[in-house]
Amino acid sequence: MNPVETWRRLLAEFAGTALLVTAVVGSGIMATTLSPGDVGLQLLQNSIATALALGALILTFGPVSGAHFNPVVSAADWWLGRRYGTGLTAGDLAGYAAAQTLGAIAGSVLANTMFDRAPVSISTTVRTGGHLWLGEVVATAGLILLIFALVRSGRAAVAPAAVGAYIGAAYWFTSSTSFANPAVTIGRAFTDTFAGIAPGSVPAYLGAQLVGLAVGVGLTAALYPHAGADAGQVVVPSAPAGEKL
């Protein structure tokens, strides 16, 4: 359990998720501006910017809150850590999920505003279909497994690079371009840009991500039966006991 005060951890999750969505949406807007008509190049630009920003944000906020930025990561941390008394409590989980979701919405508003667009523009990009939902299951399950494999094997220090690389790659190897994050999915409904998702498409994506959470937790429990013992170190180890940040 991270000893940092609750309000600081919630602020870190809010700010980190906001900046992550700002990077996703902002780079999407810039990509369509710089490379009009070339969707492949736009996706490349968007994925590289997102991967690099995610790694940097984990480094920035990890020591404070663990840099989850994602309700499914927080839920997995709570679930796997219950047996050992590590990771998040149920109250922490609720606070993290709320902070992450509000942060994601704020991130879309910030990106829209920075690029001289209406602060809130509800997306009209429909993303629906079983193949896309399957992509979300795969992306989310893989993310959970990666994070807990790193933690359990004592390699949490490389999480910024590894998680950033995974998300950047999953943009390309999943049909859905790897949202893999309920908070980010909701936040991206507030921008009618390259990165947006229509509100009507959001519930199915959230459902697929929850299925991915279950699959990821199941795989983690099977491959790393004692992963919950280290849940307090997800995603980045907190400061040693007694050390002030």
Protein backbone atom coordinates (compact mmCIF):
# COMPACT_ATOMS: atom_id res chain seq x y z
CA MET A 1 0.00 0.00 0.00
CA ASN A 2 1.47 3.33 -1.03
CA PRO A 3 1.98 5.43 2.15
CA VAL A 4 1.53 8.75 0.32
CA GLU A 5 -1.49 10.77 1.48
CA THR A 6 -4.73 9.88 -0.26
CA TRP A 7 -5.33 13.32 -1.73
CA ARG A 8 -1.89 13.34 -3.33
CA ARG A 9 -2.42 9.93 -4.87
CA LEU A 10 -5.83 10.94 -6.25
CA LEU A 11 -4.39 14.17 -7.63
CA ALA A 12 -1.61 12.21 -9.32
CA GLU A 13 -4.12 9.82 -10.90
CA PHE A 14 -6.29 12.72 -12.06
CA ALA A 15 -3.40 14.73 -13.51
CA GLY A 16 -1.65 11.72 -15.03
CA THR A 17 -4.78 10.44 -16.74
CA ALA A 18 -5.64 13.93 -17.94
CA LEU A 19 -2.22 14.38 -19.52
CA LEU A 20 -2.36 10.91 -21.05
CA VAL A 21 -5.65 11.70 -22.78
CA THR A 22 -4.31 15.10 -23.77
CA ALA A 23 -1.43 13.30 -25.48
CA VAL A 24 -3.77 10.83 -27.21
CA VAL A 25 -6.24 13.45 -28.43
CA GLY A 26 -3.73 16.22 -29.08
CA SER A 27 -1.41 14.02 -31.14
CA GLY A 28 -4.43 12.76 -33.06
CA ILE A 29 -5.45 16.31 -33.94
CA MET A 30 -1.88 17.21 -34.91
CA ALA A 31 -1.57 14.05 -37.02
CA THR A 32 -4.68 14.80 -39.03
CA THR A 33 -3.47 18.37 -39.53
CA LEU A 34 0.03 17.40 -40.68
CA SER A 35 -0.89 14.29 -42.66
CA PRO A 36 -4.38 14.82 -44.09
CA GLY A 37 -5.73 11.88 -46.04
CA ASP A 38 -3.09 9.39 -44.82
CA VAL A 39 -4.75 7.40 -42.04
CA GLY A 40 -1.82 5.00 -41.68
CA LEU A 41 0.63 7.82 -41.05
CA GLN A 42 -1.83 9.49 -38.70
CA LEU A 43 -2.06 6.31 -36.64
CA LEU A 44 1.73 5.99 -36.57
CA GLN A 45 2.13 9.54 -35.30
CA ASN A 46 -0.65 9.08 -32.75
CA SER A 47 0.73 5.79 -31.43
CA ILE A 48 4.32 7.02 -31.09
CA ALA A 49 3.26 10.15 -29.22
CA THR A 50 1.00 8.14 -26.91
CA ALA A 51 3.63 5.52 -26.13
CA LEU A 52 6.30 8.10 -25.33
CA ALA A 53 3.94 10.24 -23.26
CA LEU A 54 2.71 7.23 -21.27
CA GLY A 55 6.25 6.22 -20.35
CA ALA A 56 7.10 9.75 -19.26
CA LEU A 57 3.90 10.08 -17.22
CA ILE A 58 4.54 6.79 -15.41
CA LEU A 59 7.98 8.05 -14.46
CA THR A 60 6.49 11.33 -13.25
CA PHE A 61 3.54 10.09 -11.21
CA GLY A 62 4.51 6.50 -10.41
CA PRO A 63 6.26 7.26 -7.10
CA VAL A 64 3.17 9.11 -5.86
CA SER A 65 0.22 6.93 -6.88
CA GLY A 66 1.62 3.99 -8.80
CA ALA A 67 0.60 5.68 -12.08
CA HIS A 68 -2.31 3.37 -12.81
CA PHE A 69 -4.21 5.88 -14.98
CA ASN A 70 -6.63 3.05 -15.69
CA PRO A 71 -9.54 1.60 -13.66
CA VAL A 72 -8.87 -1.96 -14.84
CA VAL A 73 -5.29 -1.77 -13.59
CA SER A 74 -6.55 -0.43 -10.26
CA ALA A 75 -9.24 -3.14 -10.10
CA ALA A 76 -6.69 -5.87 -10.78
CA ASP A 77 -4.42 -4.41 -8.11
CA TRP A 78 -7.27 -4.47 -5.60
CA TRP A 79 -8.44 -7.97 -6.52
CA LEU A 80 -5.05 -9.67 -6.55
CA GLY A 81 -3.84 -7.86 -3.43
CA ARG A 82 -6.84 -8.68 -1.20
CA ARG A 83 -5.43 -12.00 -0.05
CA TYR A 84 -2.16 -10.43 1.07
CA GLY A 85 -3.39 -7.08 2.34
CA THR A 86 -1.41 -5.27 -0.34
CA GLY A 87 -2.42 -2.96 -3.17
CA LEU A 88 -5.51 -0.79 -3.11
CA THR A 89 -8.41 -1.02 -0.69
CA ALA A 90 -11.99 -0.97 -2.02
CA GLY A 91 -12.22 2.69 -1.02
CA ASP A 92 -8.96 3.45 -2.82
CA LEU A 93 -10.26 1.70 -5.92
CA ALA A 94 -13.40 3.82 -5.98
CA GLY A 95 -11.37 7.00 -5.54
CA TYR A 96 -8.85 6.03 -8.20
CA ALA A 97 -11.55 5.14 -10.73
CA ALA A 98 -13.35 8.45 -10.15
CA ALA A 99 -10.14 10.49 -10.38
CA GLN A 100 -9.06 8.66 -13.53
CA THR A 101 -12.41 9.14 -15.25
CA LEU A 102 -12.65 12.83 -14.40
CA GLY A 103 -9.04 13.27 -15.45
CA ALA A 104 -9.70 11.61 -18.81
CA ILE A 105 -12.60 13.97 -19.52
CA ALA A 106 -10.47 16.94 -18.49
CA GLY A 107 -7.73 15.72 -20.82
CA SER A 108 -10.05 15.77 -23.82
CA VAL A 109 -11.29 19.24 -22.90
CA LEU A 110 -7.69 20.47 -22.56
CA ALA A 111 -6.62 19.02 -25.92
CA ASN A 112 -9.68 20.40 -27.69
CA THR A 113 -9.03 23.83 -26.23
CA MET A 114 -5.31 23.83 -27.02
CA PHE A 115 -6.09 23.21 -30.68
CA ASP A 116 -8.69 25.99 -30.80
CA ARG A 117 -11.71 23.72 -30.91
CA ALA A 118 -14.84 23.71 -28.81
CA PRO A 119 -13.79 22.54 -25.33
CA VAL A 120 -16.41 19.78 -25.47
CA SER A 121 -17.31 18.21 -28.80
CA ILE A 122 -19.08 14.88 -28.51
CA SER A 123 -17.56 12.32 -30.85
CA THR A 124 -19.46 11.02 -33.87
CA THR A 125 -16.95 8.24 -34.61
CA VAL A 126 -18.82 4.94 -34.34
CA ARG A 127 -16.64 2.04 -33.24
CA THR A 128 -18.68 -1.13 -33.05
CA GLY A 129 -18.45 -4.77 -33.98
CA GLY A 130 -17.38 -8.05 -32.45
CA HIS A 131 -13.90 -7.85 -33.95
CA LEU A 132 -13.29 -4.51 -32.21
CA TRP A 133 -14.58 -5.80 -28.89
CA LEU A 134 -12.30 -8.82 -29.19
CA GLY A 135 -9.43 -6.43 -29.80
CA GLU A 136 -10.25 -4.68 -26.54
CA VAL A 137 -10.31 -7.98 -24.66
CA VAL A 138 -6.87 -8.88 -26.02
CA ALA A 139 -5.37 -5.43 -25.40
CA THR A 140 -6.69 -5.20 -21.84
CA ALA A 141 -5.76 -8.74 -20.82
CA GLY A 142 -2.26 -8.33 -22.20
CA LEU A 143 -1.77 -5.06 -20.33
CA ILE A 144 -2.79 -6.59 -16.99
CA LEU A 145 -0.57 -9.62 -17.52
CA LEU A 146 2.41 -7.48 -18.50
CA ILE A 147 2.15 -5.19 -15.49
CA PHE A 148 1.88 -7.96 -12.92
CA ALA A 149 4.56 -10.06 -14.61
CA LEU A 150 6.94 -7.13 -14.34
CA VAL A 151 6.08 -6.55 -10.70
CA ARG A 152 6.24 -10.19 -9.65
CA SER A 153 9.58 -10.75 -11.40
CA GLY A 154 11.13 -7.71 -9.74
CA ARG A 155 11.29 -5.66 -12.93
CA ALA A 156 8.78 -2.94 -12.07
CA ALA A 157 11.47 -0.35 -12.68
CA VAL A 158 11.21 -0.98 -16.42
CA ALA A 159 7.42 -0.53 -16.42
CA PRO A 160 7.52 2.95 -17.98
CA ALA A 161 9.30 1.65 -21.07
CA ALA A 162 7.52 -1.70 -21.18
CA VAL A 163 3.98 -0.39 -20.71
CA GLY A 164 4.57 2.43 -23.17
CA ALA A 165 5.96 -0.02 -25.71
CA TYR A 166 3.04 -2.41 -25.26
CA ILE A 167 0.40 0.27 -25.75
CA GLY A 168 2.26 1.68 -28.73
CA ALA A 169 2.45 -1.76 -30.32
CA ALA A 170 -1.15 -2.62 -29.45
CA TYR A 171 -2.30 0.36 -31.49
CA TRP A 172 -1.20 -1.74 -34.45
CA PHE A 173 -1.80 -5.38 -33.56
CA THR A 174 -5.35 -4.99 -32.20
CA SER A 175 -8.37 -4.19 -34.35
CA SER A 176 -9.61 -1.58 -31.86
CA THR A 177 -6.30 0.35 -31.67
CA SER A 178 -6.09 -0.60 -28.01
CA PHE A 179 -8.12 1.73 -25.83
CA ALA A 180 -7.73 -0.87 -23.01
CA ASN A 181 -8.86 1.67 -20.43
CA PRO A 182 -12.43 2.51 -19.30
CA ALA A 183 -11.54 6.02 -18.13
CA VAL A 184 -9.76 6.89 -21.37
CA THR A 185 -12.63 5.42 -23.38
CA ILE A 186 -15.12 7.67 -21.61
CA GLY A 187 -12.83 10.68 -21.94
CA ARG A 188 -12.39 10.15 -25.67
CA ALA A 189 -16.16 10.44 -26.16
CA PHE A 190 -15.76 14.16 -25.42
CA THR A 191 -13.74 14.94 -28.53
CA ASP A 192 -14.99 14.74 -32.11
CA THR A 193 -11.50 14.19 -33.51
CA PHE A 194 -9.28 11.37 -34.79
CA ALA A 195 -9.11 9.79 -31.33
CA GLY A 196 -12.82 10.06 -30.50
CA ILE A 197 -15.41 7.38 -29.90
CA ALA A 198 -19.16 7.96 -30.15
CA PRO A 199 -20.98 7.69 -26.81
CA GLY A 200 -23.14 4.90 -28.20
CA SER A 201 -20.02 2.80 -28.78
CA VAL A 202 -18.65 3.30 -25.27
CA PRO A 203 -20.70 0.71 -23.28
CA ALA A 204 -19.63 -2.23 -25.45
CA TYR A 205 -16.00 -1.14 -25.22
CA LEU A 206 -16.28 -0.94 -21.43
CA GLY A 207 -17.82 -4.41 -21.34
CA ALA A 208 -15.01 -5.82 -23.47
CA GLN A 209 -12.42 -4.19 -21.22
CA LEU A 210 -14.03 -5.80 -18.16
CA VAL A 211 -13.84 -9.16 -19.88
CA GLY A 212 -10.20 -8.41 -20.64
CA LEU A 213 -9.68 -7.58 -16.98
CA ALA A 214 -11.08 -10.98 -15.96
CA VAL A 215 -8.94 -12.79 -18.53
CA GLY A 216 -5.84 -10.86 -17.53
CA VAL A 217 -6.36 -11.50 -13.82
CA GLY A 218 -7.00 -15.18 -14.53
CA LEU A 219 -3.82 -15.52 -16.57
CA THR A 220 -1.83 -13.65 -13.96
CA ALA A 221 -3.14 -15.89 -11.16
CA ALA A 222 -2.33 -19.02 -13.18
CA LEU A 223 1.17 -17.96 -14.23
CA TYR A 224 2.15 -15.97 -11.14
CA PRO A 225 0.12 -17.44 -8.24
CA HIS A 226 1.60 -15.06 -5.69
CA ALA A 227 1.47 -11.89 -7.78
CA GLY A 228 -0.85 -10.30 -5.23
CA ALA A 229 1.95 -10.22 -2.69
CA ASP A 230 3.56 -7.46 -4.71
CA ALA A 231 0.38 -5.56 -5.61
CA GLY A 232 1.61 -2.58 -3.62
CA GLN A 233 4.32 -2.06 -6.24
CA VAL A 234 1.96 -1.58 -9.22
CA VAL A 235 2.86 0.12 -11.56
CA VAL A 236 6.02 1.77 -10.23
CA PRO A 237 7.41 1.07 -6.76
CA SER A 238 6.47 3.67 -4.19
CA ALA A 239 9.12 5.49 -2.18
CA PRO A 240 10.72 3.37 0.57
CA ALA A 241 9.03 3.54 3.95
CA GLY A 242 10.02 6.68 5.77
CA GLU A 243 11.35 8.43 2.66
CA LYS A 244 9.53 11.62 1.78
CA LEU A 245 8.72 12.52 -1.81
